[in-house]
Amino acid sequence: MEKLAQRTLESEKSPFQRANSLLSDFLLPTQVQGIKEMTTLIETKDEECLKNLESVLKVFISCMNHGDSYVYLAAINGLVALGSLRLDDALPFLCKQFGAWEVTHSPEARTKVGEAIVKLASYCEGFLGQYREN
């Protein structure tokens, strides 16, 4: 009976609330599922998610420093999705990470960040010059 009540409460949550609750789970795969769901909500322009972009950005940024590639690769994808809406936040951050990761991360991880930067650069459509200092 208790599990049925818990499922009912889960089904009453909005997609954003569900993704947010997954992020706070103690299991790493569940947290990553939350990151992926948050990314999907950004891509589909979920209204509640768009109202909370600042907190979503903080989640993605904090996940970028995680030691597990499963987590920070999901966060990179999230930042790319977020960059389509808030390029001024995502692109400078990824550029700084790319430089900082030279010593601390594998070449493969830096390549993923570089790929994310290229994807975000495609959103600039000729306005990339303003980011040259990053």
Protein backbone atom coordinates (compact mmCIF):
# COMPACT_ATOMS: atom_id res chain seq x y z
CA MET A 1 0.00 0.00 0.00
CA GLU A 2 2.84 2.36 0.86
CA LYS A 3 4.53 1.80 -2.53
CA LEU A 4 1.27 2.57 -4.33
CA ALA A 5 0.97 5.86 -2.43
CA GLN A 6 4.58 6.70 -3.29
CA ARG A 7 3.97 5.98 -7.00
CA THR A 8 0.87 8.18 -6.91
CA LEU A 9 2.92 11.05 -5.44
CA GLU A 10 5.60 10.52 -8.10
CA SER A 11 3.03 10.62 -10.90
CA GLU A 12 1.63 13.92 -9.59
CA LYS A 13 5.00 15.64 -9.99
CA SER A 14 5.70 17.79 -13.01
CA PRO A 15 8.48 16.60 -15.36
CA PHE A 16 10.77 19.28 -13.93
CA GLN A 17 10.07 18.22 -10.34
CA ARG A 18 10.67 14.59 -11.29
CA ALA A 19 14.03 15.40 -12.91
CA ASN A 20 14.97 17.51 -9.90
CA SER A 21 14.16 14.67 -7.50
CA LEU A 22 16.28 12.28 -9.57
CA LEU A 23 19.21 14.68 -9.23
CA SER A 24 19.07 14.39 -5.45
CA ASP A 25 19.05 10.58 -5.43
CA PHE A 26 22.03 8.87 -3.80
CA LEU A 27 22.61 6.52 -6.77
CA LEU A 28 24.86 7.91 -9.48
CA PRO A 29 22.97 6.41 -12.46
CA THR A 30 19.75 7.93 -11.15
CA GLN A 31 21.42 11.33 -10.82
CA VAL A 32 22.63 11.10 -14.40
CA GLN A 33 19.12 10.19 -15.51
CA GLY A 34 18.02 13.43 -13.82
CA ILE A 35 20.63 15.38 -15.80
CA LYS A 36 19.46 13.76 -19.03
CA GLU A 37 15.82 14.47 -18.26
CA MET A 38 16.69 18.09 -17.44
CA THR A 39 18.46 18.33 -20.81
CA THR A 40 15.39 16.97 -22.57
CA LEU A 41 13.21 19.50 -20.76
CA ILE A 42 15.44 22.32 -22.00
CA GLU A 43 15.34 20.98 -25.55
CA THR A 44 11.54 20.74 -25.47
CA LYS A 45 11.34 24.18 -23.82
CA ASP A 46 9.40 22.97 -20.79
CA GLU A 47 7.84 26.04 -19.19
CA GLU A 48 8.77 25.21 -15.59
CA CYS A 49 12.32 24.34 -16.58
CA LEU A 50 12.72 27.60 -18.49
CA LYS A 51 11.61 29.52 -15.39
CA ASN A 52 14.37 27.78 -13.41
CA LEU A 53 17.26 27.98 -15.88
CA GLU A 54 19.57 29.59 -13.32
CA SER A 55 19.30 26.61 -10.98
CA VAL A 56 19.62 24.17 -13.90
CA LEU A 57 22.80 25.97 -14.99
CA LYS A 58 24.22 25.61 -11.47
CA VAL A 59 23.46 21.87 -11.51
CA PHE A 60 25.23 21.38 -14.86
CA ILE A 61 28.23 23.44 -13.74
CA SER A 62 28.58 21.50 -10.48
CA CYS A 63 28.38 18.21 -12.39
CA MET A 64 31.21 19.29 -14.70
CA ASN A 65 33.65 18.88 -11.80
CA HIS A 66 32.53 15.35 -10.99
CA GLY A 67 35.22 12.70 -11.26
CA ASP A 68 33.03 10.24 -13.15
CA SER A 69 32.91 10.73 -16.93
CA TYR A 70 29.34 9.43 -16.99
CA VAL A 71 28.29 12.50 -14.97
CA TYR A 72 30.34 15.23 -16.60
CA LEU A 73 29.58 14.04 -20.14
CA ALA A 74 25.86 14.26 -19.37
CA ALA A 75 26.47 17.75 -17.95
CA ILE A 76 28.30 18.78 -21.14
CA ASN A 77 25.28 17.73 -23.19
CA GLY A 78 23.07 19.69 -20.82
CA LEU A 79 25.21 22.79 -21.22
CA VAL A 80 24.99 22.50 -25.00
CA ALA A 81 21.20 22.35 -24.76
CA LEU A 82 21.17 25.26 -22.33
CA GLY A 83 23.55 27.16 -24.61
CA SER A 84 20.93 27.20 -27.32
CA LEU A 85 18.90 29.40 -24.95
CA ARG A 86 21.60 31.13 -22.89
CA LEU A 87 24.77 31.18 -24.93
CA ASP A 88 26.33 33.92 -22.77
CA ASP A 89 26.36 31.56 -19.78
CA ALA A 90 27.30 28.25 -21.38
CA LEU A 91 29.98 29.17 -23.93
CA PRO A 92 32.38 31.12 -21.67
CA PHE A 93 32.11 28.45 -18.98
CA LEU A 94 32.94 25.62 -21.39
CA CYS A 95 35.88 27.58 -22.83
CA LYS A 96 37.31 28.02 -19.33
CA GLN A 97 36.80 24.33 -18.58
CA PHE A 98 38.53 23.37 -21.81
CA GLY A 99 41.66 25.28 -20.75
CA ALA A 100 41.53 24.15 -17.12
CA TRP A 101 41.08 20.48 -18.01
CA GLU A 102 44.37 20.28 -19.90
CA VAL A 103 46.16 18.81 -16.90
CA THR A 104 43.36 17.27 -14.87
CA HIS A 105 41.34 15.32 -17.45
CA SER A 106 41.99 12.88 -20.25
CA PRO A 107 42.34 14.00 -23.87
CA GLU A 108 39.01 12.28 -24.57
CA ALA A 109 37.23 14.42 -21.97
CA ARG A 110 38.78 17.60 -23.35
CA THR A 111 37.69 16.49 -26.83
CA LYS A 112 34.09 16.23 -25.62
CA VAL A 113 34.27 19.75 -24.18
CA GLY A 114 35.79 20.93 -27.47
CA GLU A 115 32.95 19.31 -29.40
CA ALA A 116 30.45 21.07 -27.15
CA ILE A 117 32.16 24.40 -27.83
CA VAL A 118 31.95 23.79 -31.58
CA LYS A 119 28.24 22.97 -31.27
CA LEU A 120 27.65 26.16 -29.31
CA ALA A 121 29.72 28.17 -31.77
CA SER A 122 27.30 27.12 -34.49
CA TYR A 123 24.56 28.95 -32.56
CA CYS A 124 26.54 32.20 -32.77
CA GLU A 125 26.06 32.66 -36.52
CA GLY A 126 28.85 35.18 -37.00
CA PHE A 127 28.83 36.69 -33.50
CA LEU A 128 31.64 34.57 -32.11
CA GLY A 129 34.05 37.52 -31.88
CA GLN A 130 32.54 38.74 -28.63
CA TYR A 131 33.77 35.53 -26.95
CA ARG A 132 37.39 35.75 -28.13
CA GLU A 133 38.68 36.57 -24.62
CA ASN A 134 37.31 33.29 -23.25
